Amino acid sequence: MFVNNKAKTSWPVLIAIFVIVLAVGGSIYYWQSQQNMERSAEITPTSIVTPATTITPKSTPATTETENQTADWKTYTNESFGLSFKYPATYSIKETEEIKAGKIGGTLVLKDSSREGSPEMTMLFNPDGFGPAISDIYYCTKIQNGKLKIISTRKANPEMKEGPDINKKIIMFEVGRYQSINGFDNGVIAFFSYENNGPDYSTELKKIIDTIEITKEDIYGENKCE
């Protein structure tokens, strides 16, 4: 029987060729993959870090606590004495004819009979100088930039109280002093009172004082805080 040796030897050759092709093809595929990866890395955009922006709200003018709490109060103004202040709407107000005419020697009275303790403030536009401070507490005040400010507080002369005043808490303060032709230290003083067995209205008084404005500082001297 005749045997073809060429056919017998062709299988190893084919296998060798297949292996070579496979190896070459794999190398080419690997090379192309690496090239694609490098190109992808080159065109990948770089992350851009944007600095955070802080938005600050626009500030609004500050409103003091006293202004908020006294927004619905009434206002008293005396142009002759360069004086104005606010007071609760529940207070009634009375002026003597001297005050209305802008003359010293008059009295201004604020009173609230509708509330327990009947808080009351009396301002004396004193023509004859100052006497002893008949009160429980004395507020030393100073005029600063057209406003009346409480500088200090001290005990006054409660033992000098008599009559109905014995049952009241009395706080005294000066609005301002001015020199008269008779040489006395004249000016405007105030007494704020309320019944001892009622609510404490001293905080309310301080709010009233906070609203006092002096528009004629030149007619007032410095309070001596006596």
Protein backbone atom coordinates (compact mmCIF):
# COMPACT_ATOMS: atom_id res chain seq x y z
CA MET A 1 0.00 0.00 0.00
CA PHE A 2 1.34 3.46 -0.94
CA VAL A 3 1.62 6.07 1.86
CA ASN A 4 1.82 9.83 1.15
CA ASN A 5 4.61 11.15 3.41
CA LYS A 6 3.77 14.80 2.58
CA ALA A 7 0.28 14.45 4.02
CA LYS A 8 1.78 12.84 7.04
CA THR A 9 4.16 15.70 7.73
CA SER A 10 1.70 18.58 7.01
CA TRP A 11 -0.13 18.46 10.36
CA PRO A 12 2.81 19.52 12.53
CA VAL A 13 3.52 22.31 10.11
CA LEU A 14 -0.05 23.51 10.25
CA ILE A 15 -0.06 23.39 14.01
CA ALA A 16 3.20 25.34 14.14
CA ILE A 17 1.82 27.94 11.78
CA PHE A 18 -1.35 28.23 13.83
CA VAL A 19 0.65 28.75 17.01
CA ILE A 20 2.80 31.37 15.33
CA VAL A 21 -0.27 33.22 13.98
CA LEU A 22 -1.94 33.06 17.34
CA ALA A 23 1.14 34.43 19.08
CA VAL A 24 1.56 37.22 16.55
CA GLY A 25 -2.13 38.08 16.68
CA GLY A 26 -2.09 38.14 20.48
CA SER A 27 0.97 40.41 20.48
CA ILE A 28 -0.66 42.79 18.03
CA TYR A 29 -3.88 42.84 20.08
CA TYR A 30 -1.94 43.48 23.29
CA TRP A 31 0.04 46.30 21.61
CA GLN A 32 -3.10 47.94 20.26
CA SER A 33 -4.79 47.72 23.69
CA GLN A 34 -1.84 49.46 25.32
CA GLN A 35 -1.90 52.19 22.69
CA ASN A 36 -5.62 52.74 23.21
CA MET A 37 -5.14 52.99 26.99
CA GLU A 38 -2.36 55.54 26.58
CA ARG A 39 -4.47 57.66 24.23
CA SER A 40 -7.42 57.49 26.64
CA ALA A 41 -5.21 58.66 29.49
CA GLU A 42 -3.99 61.60 27.41
CA ILE A 43 -7.46 62.88 26.56
CA THR A 44 -9.03 62.33 30.00
CA PRO A 45 -9.89 65.83 31.35
CA THR A 46 -8.16 66.94 34.53
CA SER A 47 -10.46 67.53 37.49
CA ILE A 48 -10.86 71.27 38.11
CA VAL A 49 -11.30 72.29 41.73
CA THR A 50 -13.50 75.37 42.01
CA PRO A 51 -13.04 77.33 45.24
CA ALA A 52 -16.16 77.41 47.37
CA THR A 53 -18.03 80.69 47.24
CA THR A 54 -19.45 81.99 50.50
CA ILE A 55 -22.58 84.08 50.10
CA THR A 56 -22.92 86.59 52.92
CA PRO A 57 -26.44 87.94 53.40
CA LYS A 58 -26.79 91.67 53.26
CA SER A 59 -26.77 93.17 56.71
CA THR A 60 -29.73 95.18 57.88
CA PRO A 61 -29.52 98.10 60.26
CA ALA A 62 -29.42 96.91 63.84
CA THR A 63 -32.43 97.79 65.93
CA THR A 64 -31.87 98.02 69.65
CA GLU A 65 -33.95 96.01 72.05
CA THR A 66 -35.29 99.18 73.64
CA GLU A 67 -36.49 100.52 70.26
CA ASN A 68 -38.35 97.27 69.60
CA GLN A 69 -40.02 97.30 72.99
CA THR A 70 -41.03 100.96 72.80
CA ALA A 71 -42.20 101.01 69.19
CA ASP A 72 -45.85 101.53 70.16
CA TRP A 73 -45.16 104.10 72.91
CA LYS A 74 -46.19 107.73 72.72
CA THR A 75 -43.69 110.60 72.49
CA TYR A 76 -43.51 113.75 74.60
CA THR A 77 -41.57 116.73 73.21
CA ASN A 78 -40.77 120.07 74.79
CA GLU A 79 -38.88 122.27 72.36
CA SER A 80 -38.33 125.08 74.89
CA PHE A 81 -36.31 122.81 77.15
CA GLY A 82 -34.85 120.72 74.31
CA LEU A 83 -36.30 117.54 75.75
CA SER A 84 -38.20 114.55 74.38
CA PHE A 85 -38.89 111.01 75.53
CA LYS A 86 -41.22 108.07 74.94
CA TYR A 87 -43.65 106.59 77.44
CA PRO A 88 -46.18 103.71 77.49
CA ALA A 89 -49.53 104.53 75.90
CA THR A 90 -51.33 103.58 79.11
CA TYR A 91 -49.90 106.64 80.90
CA SER A 92 -51.80 109.90 81.05
CA ILE A 93 -49.79 113.12 80.91
CA LYS A 94 -50.39 116.53 82.48
CA GLU A 95 -48.39 119.74 82.16
CA THR A 96 -48.69 122.92 84.18
CA GLU A 97 -49.10 126.21 82.36
CA GLU A 98 -45.45 127.12 83.01
CA ILE A 99 -44.26 124.03 81.16
CA LYS A 100 -46.56 124.69 78.24
CA ALA A 101 -45.21 128.26 78.05
CA GLY A 102 -41.59 127.06 78.22
CA LYS A 103 -40.97 128.64 81.63
CA ILE A 104 -39.17 127.13 84.61
CA GLY A 105 -41.12 126.44 87.77
CA GLY A 106 -43.60 124.00 86.24
CA THR A 107 -44.36 120.32 86.65
CA LEU A 108 -44.95 117.47 84.25
CA VAL A 109 -46.77 114.37 85.54
CA LEU A 110 -47.06 110.96 83.90
CA LYS A 111 -49.36 108.46 85.60
CA ASP A 112 -50.84 105.05 84.90
CA SER A 113 -53.74 104.30 87.24
CA SER A 114 -54.90 101.34 85.17
CA ARG A 115 -52.13 99.03 86.36
CA GLU A 116 -51.42 97.55 89.76
CA GLY A 117 -49.01 99.70 91.73
CA SER A 118 -49.97 102.89 89.84
CA PRO A 119 -46.56 103.81 88.37
CA GLU A 120 -46.04 107.57 88.16
CA MET A 121 -43.29 109.94 87.08
CA THR A 122 -43.10 113.60 88.08
CA MET A 123 -40.65 115.96 86.37
CA LEU A 124 -39.86 119.22 88.13
CA PHE A 125 -38.51 122.10 86.09
CA ASN A 126 -36.99 123.53 89.25
CA PRO A 127 -36.59 127.33 89.64
CA ASP A 128 -35.14 127.35 93.15
CA GLY A 129 -32.31 124.87 93.24
CA PHE A 130 -32.23 121.28 94.46
CA GLY A 131 -33.15 120.08 97.92
CA PRO A 132 -32.39 116.68 99.50
CA ALA A 133 -33.12 113.67 97.32
CA ILE A 134 -36.08 112.12 99.15
CA SER A 135 -36.08 108.75 97.42
CA ASP A 136 -35.04 105.13 97.81
CA ILE A 137 -32.77 104.97 94.79
CA TYR A 138 -30.80 107.62 92.94
CA TYR A 139 -29.71 107.17 89.34
CA CYS A 140 -26.64 109.18 88.43
CA THR A 141 -27.12 110.25 84.81
CA LYS A 142 -25.03 111.99 82.18
CA ILE A 143 -25.89 113.54 78.83
CA GLN A 144 -23.85 111.78 76.13
CA ASN A 145 -24.29 112.58 72.45
CA GLY A 146 -27.77 113.91 73.02
CA LYS A 147 -28.92 110.88 75.02
CA LEU A 148 -29.42 110.51 78.77
CA LYS A 149 -27.41 107.60 80.17
CA ILE A 150 -27.47 106.00 83.63
CA ILE A 151 -23.88 105.98 84.90
CA SER A 152 -24.38 104.52 88.37
CA THR A 153 -27.02 103.68 90.97
CA ARG A 154 -26.96 104.25 94.71
CA LYS A 155 -29.22 104.28 97.74
CA ALA A 156 -30.66 107.73 98.49
CA ASN A 157 -32.61 108.93 101.55
CA PRO A 158 -35.61 106.62 102.09
CA GLU A 159 -35.72 107.54 105.78
CA MET A 160 -36.84 111.04 104.82
CA LYS A 161 -40.03 109.81 103.19
CA GLU A 162 -43.26 110.67 104.94
CA GLY A 163 -47.02 110.48 104.44
CA PRO A 164 -48.18 108.41 101.43
CA ASP A 165 -44.63 108.20 100.12
CA ILE A 166 -43.74 105.73 102.88
CA ASN A 167 -45.64 103.00 101.04
CA LYS A 168 -44.01 103.80 97.68
CA LYS A 169 -40.75 102.93 96.01
CA ILE A 170 -39.24 106.19 94.74
CA ILE A 171 -36.43 106.48 92.20
CA MET A 172 -34.88 109.87 91.45
CA PHE A 173 -32.77 111.00 88.51
CA GLU A 174 -31.69 114.26 86.91
CA VAL A 175 -32.38 115.13 83.30
CA GLY A 176 -29.99 118.08 83.38
CA ARG A 177 -28.88 121.19 85.27
CA TYR A 178 -28.46 124.77 84.17
CA GLN A 179 -27.30 127.97 85.88
CA SER A 180 -29.85 130.66 86.63
CA ILE A 181 -29.21 134.30 87.46
CA ASN A 182 -29.67 133.65 91.17
CA GLY A 183 -26.69 131.31 91.21
CA PHE A 184 -28.58 128.15 92.10
CA ASP A 185 -28.04 124.89 90.23
CA ASN A 186 -31.41 124.74 88.56
CA GLY A 187 -32.55 122.12 86.12
CA VAL A 188 -34.92 119.26 85.46
CA ILE A 189 -35.24 116.44 87.98
CA ALA A 190 -37.61 113.48 87.97
CA PHE A 191 -39.15 111.19 90.57
CA PHE A 192 -40.54 107.83 89.50
CA SER A 193 -42.71 106.01 92.05
CA TYR A 194 -44.89 102.93 92.44
CA GLU A 195 -46.48 101.14 95.38
CA ASN A 196 -44.27 98.78 97.38
CA ASN A 197 -46.83 95.97 97.33
CA GLY A 198 -47.22 96.08 93.55
CA PRO A 199 -45.04 95.03 90.59
CA ASP A 200 -41.50 96.36 90.19
CA TYR A 201 -41.54 99.04 87.47
CA SER A 202 -37.87 99.98 87.67
CA THR A 203 -37.15 98.17 84.37
CA GLU A 204 -39.87 100.21 82.69
CA LEU A 205 -38.34 103.41 84.04
CA LYS A 206 -34.97 102.47 82.59
CA LYS A 207 -36.59 101.99 79.20
CA ILE A 208 -38.15 105.45 79.47
CA ILE A 209 -34.77 106.94 80.38
CA ASP A 210 -33.20 105.16 77.39
CA THR A 211 -35.56 107.09 75.11
CA ILE A 212 -34.78 110.53 76.56
CA GLU A 213 -33.15 112.82 74.01
CA ILE A 214 -31.64 116.24 74.71
CA THR A 215 -31.73 118.51 71.66
CA LYS A 216 -30.33 121.58 73.44
CA GLU A 217 -27.26 120.31 75.26
CA ASP A 218 -25.86 123.83 75.47
CA ILE A 219 -28.46 124.89 78.05
CA TYR A 220 -27.62 122.02 80.39
CA GLY A 221 -24.54 121.65 82.53
CA GLU A 222 -23.04 118.43 83.78
CA ASN A 223 -25.05 116.52 86.38
CA LYS A 224 -23.20 116.42 89.68
CA CYS A 225 -24.61 113.08 90.83
CA GLU A 226 -25.06 114.32 94.41
